[in-house]
Amino acid sequence: YNWGREHDHGYQTLPQPELKMRQIQYPRGRGLGGSSLINVMLYSRGYKEDWDKMPGGWKSHDVEPLFDDIERQLHLSEIRAHDFGHAAAAAAEACGIQRCKESNWEVHGWRTAY
């Protein structure tokens, strides 16, 4: 999460009358690669029920080994949430959204990467 830090130009919109004159952050990357320097990634397998509605060889039991392999290769179990992740988790809890025990295949809730 690099918004507002050294690799972000720090742009903001003009005051927005529809938003009670608030200015909104407009993150733009500063450096080689541009805004890819400040991007974040969210990963989800999707809902098992949605995969099971897919035609052909795209049922949840078909794609689960593929997801397992991807997650193993990317070492996703080793990723730690950072400030943004903790802020998002706190916001979810404040809204009454419950934490998931398992982030893959559960339909409702949230989970950090650790």
PDB file of N, CA and C in Angstrom:
ATOM      1  N   TYR A   1       0.850  -1.173   0.000  1.00  0.00           N
ATOM      2  CA  TYR A   1       0.000   0.000   0.000  1.00  0.00           C
ATOM      3  C   TYR A   1       0.882   1.219   0.000  1.00  0.00           C
ATOM      4  N   ASN A   2       1.050   1.815  -1.157  1.00  0.00           N
ATOM      5  CA  ASN A   2       1.982   2.925  -1.307  1.00  0.00           C
ATOM      6  C   ASN A   2       1.317   4.254  -1.611  1.00  0.00           C
ATOM      7  N   TRP A   3       0.009   4.333  -1.481  1.00  0.00           N
ATOM      8  CA  TRP A   3      -0.642   5.609  -1.740  1.00  0.00           C
ATOM      9  C   TRP A   3      -0.129   6.649  -0.758  1.00  0.00           C
ATOM     10  N   GLY A   4       0.142   7.825  -1.278  1.00  0.00           N
ATOM     11  CA  GLY A   4       0.564   8.924  -0.416  1.00  0.00           C
ATOM     12  C   GLY A   4       1.994   8.807   0.071  1.00  0.00           C
ATOM     13  N   ARG A   5       2.741   7.877  -0.464  1.00  0.00           N
ATOM     14  CA  ARG A   5       4.127   7.690  -0.056  1.00  0.00           C
ATOM     15  C   ARG A   5       5.055   8.114  -1.181  1.00  0.00           C
ATOM     16  N   GLU A   6       6.322   7.782  -1.073  1.00  0.00           N
ATOM     17  CA  GLU A   6       7.322   8.312  -1.994  1.00  0.00           C
ATOM     18  C   GLU A   6       7.088   7.950  -3.456  1.00  0.00           C
ATOM     19  N   HIS A   7       6.430   6.851  -3.748  1.00  0.00           N
ATOM     20  CA  HIS A   7       6.220   6.448  -5.145  1.00  0.00           C
ATOM     21  C   HIS A   7       4.865   6.881  -5.690  1.00  0.00           C
ATOM     22  N   ASP A   8       4.199   7.783  -4.999  1.00  0.00           N
ATOM     23  CA  ASP A   8       2.895   8.305  -5.416  1.00  0.00           C
ATOM     24  C   ASP A   8       3.039   9.813  -5.632  1.00  0.00           C
ATOM     25  N   HIS A   9       2.494  10.293  -6.745  1.00  0.00           N
ATOM     26  CA  HIS A   9       2.541  11.737  -7.013  1.00  0.00           C
ATOM     27  C   HIS A   9       1.731  12.530  -5.991  1.00  0.00           C
ATOM     28  N   GLY A  10       0.789  11.889  -5.317  1.00  0.00           N
ATOM     29  CA  GLY A  10      -0.005  12.585  -4.303  1.00  0.00           C
ATOM     30  C   GLY A  10      -1.112  13.452  -4.870  1.00  0.00           C
ATOM     31  N   TYR A  11      -1.569  13.148  -6.079  1.00  0.00           N
ATOM     32  CA  TYR A  11      -2.633  13.944  -6.696  1.00  0.00           C
ATOM     33  C   TYR A  11      -3.943  13.782  -5.929  1.00  0.00           C
ATOM     34  N   GLN A  12      -4.737  14.846  -5.974  1.00  0.00           N
ATOM     35  CA  GLN A  12      -6.090  14.808  -5.447  1.00  0.00           C
ATOM     36  C   GLN A  12      -7.006  15.477  -6.457  1.00  0.00           C
ATOM     37  N   THR A  13      -8.274  15.101  -6.415  1.00  0.00           N
ATOM     38  CA  THR A  13      -9.237  15.760  -7.292  1.00  0.00           C
ATOM     39  C   THR A  13      -9.488  17.169  -6.782  1.00  0.00           C
ATOM     40  N   LEU A  14     -10.132  17.952  -7.603  1.00  0.00           N
ATOM     41  CA  LEU A  14     -10.619  19.248  -7.138  1.00  0.00           C
ATOM     42  C   LEU A  14     -11.713  18.993  -6.109  1.00  0.00           C
ATOM     43  N   PRO A  15     -12.028  19.966  -5.267  1.00  0.00           N
ATOM     44  CA  PRO A  15     -13.141  19.765  -4.324  1.00  0.00           C
ATOM     45  C   PRO A  15     -14.422  19.395  -5.088  1.00  0.00           C
ATOM     46  N   GLN A  16     -15.089  18.358  -4.600  1.00  0.00           N
ATOM     47  CA  GLN A  16     -16.267  17.819  -5.276  1.00  0.00           C
ATOM     48  C   GLN A  16     -17.541  18.284  -4.586  1.00  0.00           C
ATOM     49  N   PRO A  17     -18.340  19.156  -5.236  1.00  0.00           N
ATOM     50  CA  PRO A  17     -19.564  19.663  -4.609  1.00  0.00           C
ATOM     51  C   PRO A  17     -20.520  18.551  -4.171  1.00  0.00           C
ATOM     52  N   GLU A  18     -20.570  17.449  -4.970  1.00  0.00           N
ATOM     53  CA  GLU A  18     -21.473  16.344  -4.646  1.00  0.00           C
ATOM     54  C   GLU A  18     -21.000  15.560  -3.433  1.00  0.00           C
ATOM     55  N   LEU A  19     -19.764  15.793  -2.993  1.00  0.00           N
ATOM     56  CA  LEU A  19     -19.186  15.092  -1.856  1.00  0.00           C
ATOM     57  C   LEU A  19     -18.864  16.060  -0.716  1.00  0.00           C
ATOM     58  N   LYS A  20     -19.703  17.104  -0.611  1.00  0.00           N
ATOM     59  CA  LYS A  20     -19.521  18.113   0.442  1.00  0.00           C
ATOM     60  C   LYS A  20     -18.134  18.737   0.379  1.00  0.00           C
ATOM     61  N   MET A  21     -17.668  18.964  -0.858  1.00  0.00           N
ATOM     62  CA  MET A  21     -16.398  19.629  -1.160  1.00  0.00           C
ATOM     63  C   MET A  21     -15.165  18.827  -0.741  1.00  0.00           C
ATOM     64  N   ARG A  22     -15.342  17.538  -0.520  1.00  0.00           N
ATOM     65  CA  ARG A  22     -14.166  16.711  -0.218  1.00  0.00           C
ATOM     66  C   ARG A  22     -13.312  16.550  -1.465  1.00  0.00           C
ATOM     67  N   GLN A  23     -12.027  16.355  -1.240  1.00  0.00           N
ATOM     68  CA  GLN A  23     -11.109  16.010  -2.310  1.00  0.00           C
ATOM     69  C   GLN A  23     -10.785  14.530  -2.179  1.00  0.00           C
ATOM     70  N   ILE A  24     -10.722  13.853  -3.305  1.00  0.00           N
ATOM     71  CA  ILE A  24     -10.499  12.421  -3.321  1.00  0.00           C
ATOM     72  C   ILE A  24      -9.071  12.150  -3.791  1.00  0.00           C
ATOM     73  N   GLN A  25      -8.396  11.217  -3.112  1.00  0.00           N
ATOM     74  CA  GLN A  25      -7.058  10.817  -3.552  1.00  0.00           C
ATOM     75  C   GLN A  25      -7.127  10.270  -4.968  1.00  0.00           C
ATOM     76  N   TYR A  26      -6.154  10.635  -5.776  1.00  0.00           N
ATOM     77  CA  TYR A  26      -6.050  10.129  -7.140  1.00  0.00           C
ATOM     78  C   TYR A  26      -4.650   9.556  -7.292  1.00  0.00           C
ATOM     79  N   PRO A  27      -4.439   8.344  -6.799  1.00  0.00           N
ATOM     80  CA  PRO A  27      -3.092   7.781  -6.774  1.00  0.00           C
ATOM     81  C   PRO A  27      -2.538   7.524  -8.180  1.00  0.00           C
ATOM     82  N   ARG A  28      -1.342   8.031  -8.424  1.00  0.00           N
ATOM     83  CA  ARG A  28      -0.632   7.818  -9.676  1.00  0.00           C
ATOM     84  C   ARG A  28       0.820   7.540  -9.348  1.00  0.00           C
ATOM     85  N   GLY A  29       1.345   6.450  -9.856  1.00  0.00           N
ATOM     86  CA  GLY A  29       2.700   6.032  -9.540  1.00  0.00           C
ATOM     87  C   GLY A  29       3.765   6.955 -10.109  1.00  0.00           C
ATOM     88  N   ARG A  30       4.810   7.134  -9.337  1.00  0.00           N
ATOM     89  CA  ARG A  30       5.942   7.966  -9.756  1.00  0.00           C
ATOM     90  C   ARG A  30       7.183   7.084  -9.783  1.00  0.00           C
ATOM     91  N   GLY A  31       7.633   6.767 -10.966  1.00  0.00           N
ATOM     92  CA  GLY A  31       8.811   5.926 -11.113  1.00  0.00           C
ATOM     93  C   GLY A  31       8.650   4.986 -12.290  1.00  0.00           C
ATOM     94  N   LEU A  32       9.675   4.195 -12.534  1.00  0.00           N
ATOM     95  CA  LEU A  32       9.654   3.233 -13.624  1.00  0.00           C
ATOM     96  C   LEU A  32       8.516   2.237 -13.393  1.00  0.00           C
ATOM     97  N   GLY A  33       7.636   2.131 -14.355  1.00  0.00           N
ATOM     98  CA  GLY A  33       6.480   1.264 -14.213  1.00  0.00           C
ATOM     99  C   GLY A  33       5.212   2.041 -13.900  1.00  0.00           C
ATOM    100  N   GLY A  34       5.366   3.316 -13.558  1.00  0.00           N
ATOM    101  CA  GLY A  34       4.198   4.155 -13.296  1.00  0.00           C
ATOM    102  C   GLY A  34       3.342   3.634 -12.157  1.00  0.00           C
ATOM    103  N   SER A  35       2.056   3.572 -12.376  1.00  0.00           N
ATOM    104  CA  SER A  35       1.134   3.217 -11.303  1.00  0.00           C
ATOM    105  C   SER A  35       1.221   1.764 -10.868  1.00  0.00           C
ATOM    106  N   SER A  36       1.929   0.915 -11.631  1.00  0.00           N
ATOM    107  CA  SER A  36       2.115  -0.446 -11.166  1.00  0.00           C
ATOM    108  C   SER A  36       2.964  -0.481  -9.900  1.00  0.00           C
ATOM    109  N   LEU A  37       3.681   0.606  -9.619  1.00  0.00           N
ATOM    110  CA  LEU A  37       4.468   0.689  -8.380  1.00  0.00           C
ATOM    111  C   LEU A  37       3.588   0.726  -7.137  1.00  0.00           C
ATOM    112  N   ILE A  38       2.364   1.194  -7.284  1.00  0.00           N
ATOM    113  CA  ILE A  38       1.522   1.388  -6.101  1.00  0.00           C
ATOM    114  C   ILE A  38       0.274   0.521  -6.108  1.00  0.00           C
ATOM    115  N   ASN A  39       0.172  -0.391  -7.058  1.00  0.00           N
ATOM    116  CA  ASN A  39      -0.992  -1.274  -7.120  1.00  0.00           C
ATOM    117  C   ASN A  39      -1.006  -2.263  -5.960  1.00  0.00           C
ATOM    118  N   VAL A  40      -2.177  -2.753  -5.667  1.00  0.00           N
ATOM    119  CA  VAL A  40      -2.335  -3.827  -4.695  1.00  0.00           C
ATOM    120  C   VAL A  40      -2.998  -4.999  -5.411  1.00  0.00           C
ATOM    121  N   MET A  41      -2.936  -6.173  -4.813  1.00  0.00           N
ATOM    122  CA  MET A  41      -3.561  -7.339  -5.409  1.00  0.00           C
ATOM    123  C   MET A  41      -4.494  -7.982  -4.391  1.00  0.00           C
ATOM    124  N   LEU A  42      -5.666  -8.307  -4.850  1.00  0.00           N
ATOM    125  CA  LEU A  42      -6.604  -9.088  -4.056  1.00  0.00           C
ATOM    126  C   LEU A  42      -6.779 -10.416  -4.777  1.00  0.00           C
ATOM    127  N   TYR A  43      -6.816 -11.485  -4.027  1.00  0.00           N
ATOM    128  CA  TYR A  43      -6.919 -12.809  -4.617  1.00  0.00           C
ATOM    129  C   TYR A  43      -8.097 -13.537  -4.004  1.00  0.00           C
ATOM    130  N   SER A  44      -8.889 -14.163  -4.836  1.00  0.00           N
ATOM    131  CA  SER A  44     -10.003 -14.964  -4.362  1.00  0.00           C
ATOM    132  C   SER A  44     -10.274 -16.074  -5.365  1.00  0.00           C
ATOM    133  N   ARG A  45     -10.575 -17.244  -4.854  1.00  0.00           N
ATOM    134  CA  ARG A  45     -10.953 -18.349  -5.742  1.00  0.00           C
ATOM    135  C   ARG A  45     -12.347 -18.144  -6.309  1.00  0.00           C
ATOM    136  N   GLY A  46     -13.116 -17.351  -5.680  1.00  0.00           N
ATOM    137  CA  GLY A  46     -14.512 -17.212  -6.060  1.00  0.00           C
ATOM    138  C   GLY A  46     -15.368 -18.164  -5.245  1.00  0.00           C
ATOM    139  N   TYR A  47     -16.632 -18.140  -5.486  1.00  0.00           N
ATOM    140  CA  TYR A  47     -17.557 -18.975  -4.733  1.00  0.00           C
ATOM    141  C   TYR A  47     -17.676 -20.352  -5.377  1.00  0.00           C
ATOM    142  N   LYS A  48     -17.630 -21.362  -4.559  1.00  0.00           N
ATOM    143  CA  LYS A  48     -17.745 -22.738  -5.037  1.00  0.00           C
ATOM    144  C   LYS A  48     -19.031 -22.929  -5.843  1.00  0.00           C
ATOM    145  N   GLU A  49     -20.102 -22.339  -5.347  1.00  0.00           N
ATOM    146  CA  GLU A  49     -21.397 -22.480  -6.023  1.00  0.00           C
ATOM    147  C   GLU A  49     -21.372 -21.875  -7.421  1.00  0.00           C
ATOM    148  N   ASP A  50     -20.618 -20.781  -7.604  1.00  0.00           N
ATOM    149  CA  ASP A  50     -20.518 -20.177  -8.933  1.00  0.00           C
ATOM    150  C   ASP A  50     -19.739 -21.077  -9.886  1.00  0.00           C
ATOM    151  N   TRP A  51     -18.648 -21.664  -9.397  1.00  0.00           N
ATOM    152  CA  TRP A  51     -17.882 -22.574 -10.239  1.00  0.00           C
ATOM    153  C   TRP A  51     -18.733 -23.780 -10.632  1.00  0.00           C
ATOM    154  N   ASP A  52     -19.546 -24.262  -9.716  1.00  0.00           N
ATOM    155  CA  ASP A  52     -20.355 -25.451  -9.992  1.00  0.00           C
ATOM    156  C   ASP A  52     -21.452 -25.194 -11.020  1.00  0.00           C
ATOM    157  N   LYS A  53     -21.720 -23.937 -11.322  1.00  0.00           N
ATOM    158  CA  LYS A  53     -22.690 -23.591 -12.374  1.00  0.00           C
ATOM    159  C   LYS A  53     -22.043 -23.521 -13.751  1.00  0.00           C
ATOM    160  N   MET A  54     -20.707 -23.564 -13.803  1.00  0.00           N
ATOM    161  CA  MET A  54     -19.988 -23.430 -15.073  1.00  0.00           C
ATOM    162  C   MET A  54     -20.121 -24.712 -15.897  1.00  0.00           C
ATOM    163  N   PRO A  55     -20.159 -24.568 -17.217  1.00  0.00           N
ATOM    164  CA  PRO A  55     -20.244 -25.761 -18.073  1.00  0.00           C
ATOM    165  C   PRO A  55     -18.881 -26.435 -18.230  1.00  0.00           C
ATOM    166  N   GLY A  56     -18.909 -27.656 -18.706  1.00  0.00           N
ATOM    167  CA  GLY A  56     -17.675 -28.361 -19.039  1.00  0.00           C
ATOM    168  C   GLY A  56     -16.840 -28.701 -17.822  1.00  0.00           C
ATOM    169  N   GLY A  57     -15.534 -28.636 -17.983  1.00  0.00           N
ATOM    170  CA  GLY A  57     -14.603 -29.023 -16.935  1.00  0.00           C
ATOM    171  C   GLY A  57     -14.216 -27.893 -16.005  1.00  0.00           C
ATOM    172  N   TRP A  58     -15.167 -27.053 -15.665  1.00  0.00           N
ATOM    173  CA  TRP A  58     -14.873 -25.901 -14.816  1.00  0.00           C
ATOM    174  C   TRP A  58     -15.611 -25.938 -13.484  1.00  0.00           C
ATOM    175  N   LYS A  59     -15.970 -27.109 -13.017  1.00  0.00           N
ATOM    176  CA  LYS A  59     -16.622 -27.245 -11.712  1.00  0.00           C
ATOM    177  C   LYS A  59     -15.590 -27.006 -10.616  1.00  0.00           C
ATOM    178  N   SER A  60     -16.055 -26.751  -9.407  1.00  0.00           N
ATOM    179  CA  SER A  60     -15.133 -26.439  -8.307  1.00  0.00           C
ATOM    180  C   SER A  60     -14.136 -27.573  -8.076  1.00  0.00           C
ATOM    181  N   HIS A  61     -14.573 -28.817  -8.192  1.00  0.00           N
ATOM    182  CA  HIS A  61     -13.646 -29.931  -7.979  1.00  0.00           C
ATOM    183  C   HIS A  61     -12.618 -30.040  -9.109  1.00  0.00           C
ATOM    184  N   ASP A  62     -12.945 -29.477 -10.291  1.00  0.00           N
ATOM    185  CA  ASP A  62     -11.992 -29.475 -11.403  1.00  0.00           C
ATOM    186  C   ASP A  62     -10.903 -28.426 -11.215  1.00  0.00           C
ATOM    187  N   VAL A  63     -11.297 -27.247 -10.712  1.00  0.00           N
ATOM    188  CA  VAL A  63     -10.339 -26.139 -10.618  1.00  0.00           C
ATOM    189  C   VAL A  63      -9.611 -26.092  -9.279  1.00  0.00           C
ATOM    190  N   GLU A  64     -10.113 -26.782  -8.272  1.00  0.00           N
ATOM    191  CA  GLU A  64      -9.465 -26.730  -6.954  1.00  0.00           C
ATOM    192  C   GLU A  64      -7.991 -27.137  -7.007  1.00  0.00           C
ATOM    193  N   PRO A  65      -7.617 -28.225  -7.712  1.00  0.00           N
ATOM    194  CA  PRO A  65      -6.187 -28.566  -7.786  1.00  0.00           C
ATOM    195  C   PRO A  65      -5.357 -27.464  -8.450  1.00  0.00           C
ATOM    196  N   LEU A  66      -5.956 -26.762  -9.414  1.00  0.00           N
ATOM    197  CA  LEU A  66      -5.238 -25.669 -10.072  1.00  0.00           C
ATOM    198  C   LEU A  66      -4.991 -24.527  -9.097  1.00  0.00           C
ATOM    199  N   PHE A  67      -6.022 -24.173  -8.332  1.00  0.00           N
ATOM    200  CA  PHE A  67      -5.856 -23.122  -7.328  1.00  0.00           C
ATOM    201  C   PHE A  67      -4.826 -23.533  -6.279  1.00  0.00           C
ATOM    202  N   ASP A  68      -4.898 -24.780  -5.840  1.00  0.00           N
ATOM    203  CA  ASP A  68      -3.925 -25.263  -4.846  1.00  0.00           C
ATOM    204  C   ASP A  68      -2.502 -25.105  -5.376  1.00  0.00           C
ATOM    205  N   ASP A  69      -2.291 -25.455  -6.635  1.00  0.00           N
ATOM    206  CA  ASP A  69      -0.962 -25.364  -7.234  1.00  0.00           C
ATOM    207  C   ASP A  69      -0.511 -23.902  -7.342  1.00  0.00           C
ATOM    208  N   ILE A  70      -1.399 -23.032  -7.793  1.00  0.00           N
ATOM    209  CA  ILE A  70      -1.069 -21.603  -7.892  1.00  0.00           C
ATOM    210  C   ILE A  70      -0.690 -21.052  -6.525  1.00  0.00           C
ATOM    211  N   GLU A  71      -1.494 -21.349  -5.521  1.00  0.00           N
ATOM    212  CA  GLU A  71      -1.256 -20.825  -4.175  1.00  0.00           C
ATOM    213  C   GLU A  71       0.058 -21.364  -3.600  1.00  0.00           C
ATOM    214  N   ARG A  72       0.365 -22.600  -3.893  1.00  0.00           N
ATOM    215  CA  ARG A  72       1.614 -23.183  -3.422  1.00  0.00           C
ATOM    216  C   ARG A  72       2.803 -22.498  -4.107  1.00  0.00           C
ATOM    217  N   GLN A  73       2.720 -22.283  -5.423  1.00  0.00           N
ATOM    218  CA  GLN A  73       3.812 -21.648  -6.161  1.00  0.00           C
ATOM    219  C   GLN A  73       4.027 -20.195  -5.757  1.00  0.00           C
ATOM    220  N   LEU A  74       2.947 -19.499  -5.438  1.00  0.00           N
ATOM    221  CA  LEU A  74       3.048 -18.089  -5.050  1.00  0.00           C
ATOM    222  C   LEU A  74       3.323 -17.905  -3.563  1.00  0.00           C
ATOM    223  N   HIS A  75       3.361 -19.001  -2.823  1.00  0.00           N
ATOM    224  CA  HIS A  75       3.613 -18.948  -1.377  1.00  0.00           C
ATOM    225  C   HIS A  75       2.602 -18.031  -0.673  1.00  0.00           C
ATOM    226  N   LEU A  76       1.338 -18.149  -1.048  1.00  0.00           N
ATOM    227  CA  LEU A  76       0.323 -17.254  -0.490  1.00  0.00           C
ATOM    228  C   LEU A  76       0.169 -17.406   1.014  1.00  0.00           C
ATOM    229  N   SER A  77       0.466 -18.573   1.543  1.00  0.00           N
ATOM    230  CA  SER A  77       0.337 -18.753   2.990  1.00  0.00           C
ATOM    231  C   SER A  77       1.379 -17.940   3.748  1.00  0.00           C
ATOM    232  N   GLU A  78       2.428 -17.465   3.064  1.00  0.00           N
ATOM    233  CA  GLU A  78       3.489 -16.697   3.712  1.00  0.00           C
ATOM    234  C   GLU A  78       3.249 -15.193   3.668  1.00  0.00           C
ATOM    235  N   ILE A  79       2.247 -14.754   2.911  1.00  0.00           N
ATOM    236  CA  ILE A  79       1.986 -13.322   2.775  1.00  0.00           C
ATOM    237  C   ILE A  79       1.373 -12.789   4.062  1.00  0.00           C
ATOM    238  N   ARG A  80       1.822 -11.650   4.480  1.00  0.00           N
ATOM    239  CA  ARG A  80       1.311 -11.007   5.687  1.00  0.00           C
ATOM    240  C   ARG A  80       0.530  -9.746   5.312  1.00  0.00           C
ATOM    241  N   ALA A  81      -0.538  -9.512   6.004  1.00  0.00           N
ATOM    242  CA  ALA A  81      -1.317  -8.289   5.779  1.00  0.00           C
ATOM    243  C   ALA A  81      -0.502  -7.091   6.235  1.00  0.00           C
ATOM    244  N   HIS A  82      -0.650  -5.987   5.557  1.00  0.00           N
ATOM    245  CA  HIS A  82       0.032  -4.760   5.947  1.00  0.00           C
ATOM    246  C   HIS A  82      -1.008  -3.762   6.428  1.00  0.00           C
ATOM    247  N   ASP A  83      -0.630  -2.525   6.552  1.00  0.00           N
ATOM    248  CA  ASP A  83      -1.519  -1.510   7.116  1.00  0.00           C
ATOM    249  C   ASP A  83      -2.870  -1.471   6.417  1.00  0.00           C
ATOM    250  N   PHE A  84      -2.866  -1.527   5.080  1.00  0.00           N
ATOM    251  CA  PHE A  84      -4.122  -1.487   4.354  1.00  0.00           C
ATOM    252  C   PHE A  84      -4.995  -2.679   4.700  1.00  0.00           C
ATOM    253  N   GLY A  85      -4.377  -3.851   4.779  1.00  0.00           N
ATOM    254  CA  GLY A  85      -5.122  -5.059   5.112  1.00  0.00           C
ATOM    255  C   GLY A  85      -5.755  -4.982   6.489  1.00  0.00           C
ATOM    256  N   HIS A  86      -4.994  -4.457   7.455  1.00  0.00           N
ATOM    257  CA  HIS A  86      -5.535  -4.313   8.803  1.00  0.00           C
ATOM    258  C   HIS A  86      -6.668  -3.296   8.832  1.00  0.00           C
ATOM    259  N   ALA A  87      -6.521  -2.202   8.083  1.00  0.00           N
ATOM    260  CA  ALA A  87      -7.576  -1.186   8.022  1.00  0.00           C
ATOM    261  C   ALA A  87      -8.836  -1.757   7.376  1.00  0.00           C
ATOM    262  N   ALA A  88      -8.659  -2.538   6.308  1.00  0.00           N
ATOM    263  CA  ALA A  88      -9.811  -3.149   5.638  1.00  0.00           C
ATOM    264  C   ALA A  88     -10.500  -4.139   6.570  1.00  0.00           C
ATOM    265  N   ALA A  89      -9.711  -4.910   7.316  1.00  0.00           N
ATOM    266  CA  ALA A  89     -10.281  -5.877   8.257  1.00  0.00           C
ATOM    267  C   ALA A  89     -11.063  -5.167   9.354  1.00  0.00           C
ATOM    268  N   ALA A  90     -10.514  -4.093   9.882  1.00  0.00           N
ATOM    269  CA  ALA A  90     -11.207  -3.332  10.925  1.00  0.00           C
ATOM    270  C   ALA A  90     -12.509  -2.748  10.388  1.00  0.00           C
ATOM    271  N   ALA A  91     -12.481  -2.262   9.148  1.00  0.00           N
ATOM    272  CA  ALA A  91     -13.693  -1.708   8.541  1.00  0.00           C
ATOM    273  C   ALA A  91     -14.752  -2.791   8.353  1.00  0.00           C
ATOM    274  N   ALA A  92     -14.328  -3.973   7.921  1.00  0.00           N
ATOM    275  CA  ALA A  92     -15.270  -5.080   7.736  1.00  0.00           C
ATOM    276  C   ALA A  92     -15.911  -5.458   9.066  1.00  0.00           C
ATOM    277  N   GLU A  93     -15.097  -5.559  10.105  1.00  0.00           N
ATOM    278  CA  GLU A  93     -15.635  -5.893  11.427  1.00  0.00           C
ATOM    279  C   GLU A  93     -16.604  -4.822  11.909  1.00  0.00           C
ATOM    280  N   ALA A  94     -16.258  -3.553  11.675  1.00  0.00           N
ATOM    281  CA  ALA A  94     -17.126  -2.447  12.105  1.00  0.00           C
ATOM    282  C   ALA A  94     -18.475  -2.491  11.408  1.00  0.00           C
ATOM    283  N   CYS A  95     -18.501  -3.054  10.204  1.00  0.00           N
ATOM    284  CA  CYS A  95     -19.755  -3.179   9.452  1.00  0.00           C
ATOM    285  C   CYS A  95     -20.513  -4.457   9.794  1.00  0.00           C
ATOM    286  N   GLY A  96     -19.949  -5.265  10.695  1.00  0.00           N
ATOM    287  CA  GLY A  96     -20.620  -6.493  11.101  1.00  0.00           C
ATOM    288  C   GLY A  96     -20.341  -7.680  10.194  1.00  0.00           C
ATOM    289  N   ILE A  97     -19.350  -7.566   9.313  1.00  0.00           N
ATOM    290  CA  ILE A  97     -18.991  -8.676   8.437  1.00  0.00           C
ATOM    291  C   ILE A  97     -18.063  -9.602   9.205  1.00  0.00           C
ATOM    292  N   GLN A  98     -18.414 -10.865   9.285  1.00  0.00           N
ATOM    293  CA  GLN A  98     -17.656 -11.805  10.100  1.00  0.00           C
ATOM    294  C   GLN A  98     -16.428 -12.330   9.378  1.00  0.00           C
ATOM    295  N   ARG A  99     -15.419 -12.681  10.159  1.00  0.00           N
ATOM    296  CA  ARG A  99     -14.187 -13.258   9.628  1.00  0.00           C
ATOM    297  C   ARG A  99     -14.432 -14.713   9.239  1.00  0.00           C
ATOM    298  N   CYS A 100     -13.888 -15.128   8.096  1.00  0.00           N
ATOM    299  CA  CYS A 100     -13.965 -16.516   7.641  1.00  0.00           C
ATOM    300  C   CYS A 100     -12.834 -17.320   8.253  1.00  0.00           C
ATOM    301  N   LYS A 101     -13.094 -18.573   8.547  1.00  0.00           N
ATOM    302  CA  LYS A 101     -12.021 -19.471   8.959  1.00  0.00           C
ATOM    303  C   LYS A 101     -11.203 -19.880   7.742  1.00  0.00           C
ATOM    304  N   GLU A 102     -11.843 -20.058   6.635  1.00  0.00           N
ATOM    305  CA  GLU A 102     -11.197 -20.474   5.394  1.00  0.00           C
ATOM    306  C   GLU A 102     -11.613 -19.495   4.303  1.00  0.00           C
ATOM    307  N   SER A 103     -10.660 -18.863   3.641  1.00  0.00           N
ATOM    308  CA  SER A 103     -10.999 -17.831   2.661  1.00  0.00           C
ATOM    309  C   SER A 103     -11.402 -18.395   1.312  1.00  0.00           C
ATOM    310  N   ASN A 104     -11.155 -19.656   1.073  1.00  0.00           N
ATOM    311  CA  ASN A 104     -11.487 -20.238  -0.221  1.00  0.00           C
ATOM    312  C   ASN A 104     -12.771 -21.035  -0.125  1.00  0.00           C
ATOM    313  N   TRP A 105     -13.681 -20.685  -0.993  1.00  0.00           N
ATOM    314  CA  TRP A 105     -14.978 -21.337  -1.157  1.00  0.00           C
ATOM    315  C   TRP A 105     -16.046 -20.810  -0.216  1.00  0.00           C
ATOM    316  N   GLU A 106     -15.716 -20.107   0.862  1.00  0.00           N
ATOM    317  CA  GLU A 106     -16.769 -19.579   1.731  1.00  0.00           C
ATOM    318  C   GLU A 106     -17.452 -18.406   1.030  1.00  0.00           C
ATOM    319  N   VAL A 107     -18.758 -18.336   1.190  1.00  0.00           N
ATOM    320  CA  VAL A 107     -19.530 -17.330   0.474  1.00  0.00           C
ATOM    321  C   VAL A 107     -19.538 -15.989   1.190  1.00  0.00           C
ATOM    322  N   HIS A 108     -19.540 -15.991   2.496  1.00  0.00           N
ATOM    323  CA  HIS A 108     -19.666 -14.727   3.228  1.00  0.00           C
ATOM    324  C   HIS A 108     -18.495 -14.532   4.166  1.00  0.00           C
ATOM    325  N   GLY A 109     -18.063 -13.291   4.286  1.00  0.00           N
ATOM    326  CA  GLY A 109     -17.035 -12.966   5.254  1.00  0.00           C
ATOM    327  C   GLY A 109     -15.743 -12.516   4.624  1.00  0.00           C
ATOM    328  N   TRP A 110     -14.726 -12.393   5.446  1.00  0.00           N
ATOM    329  CA  TRP A 110     -13.424 -11.917   5.000  1.00  0.00           C
ATOM    330  C   TRP A 110     -12.340 -12.651   5.767  1.00  0.00           C
ATOM    331  N   ARG A 111     -11.124 -12.579   5.263  1.00  0.00           N
ATOM    332  CA  ARG A 111      -9.993 -13.189   5.921  1.00  0.00           C
ATOM    333  C   ARG A 111      -8.727 -12.505   5.434  1.00  0.00           C
ATOM    334  N   THR A 112      -7.803 -12.240   6.341  1.00  0.00           N
ATOM    335  CA  THR A 112      -6.515 -11.717   5.911  1.00  0.00           C
ATOM    336  C   THR A 112      -5.658 -12.854   5.400  1.00  0.00           C
ATOM    337  N   ALA A 113      -4.526 -12.527   4.793  1.00  0.00           N
ATOM    338  CA  ALA A 113      -3.696 -13.551   4.147  1.00  0.00           C
ATOM    339  C   ALA A 113      -2.852 -14.348   5.117  1.00  0.00           C
ATOM    340  N   TYR A 114      -2.922 -14.077   6.392  1.00  0.00           N
ATOM    341  CA  TYR A 114      -2.104 -14.835   7.323  1.00  0.00           C
ATOM    342  C   TYR A 114      -2.944 -15.599   8.282  1.00  0.00           C
TER     343      TYR A 114
END
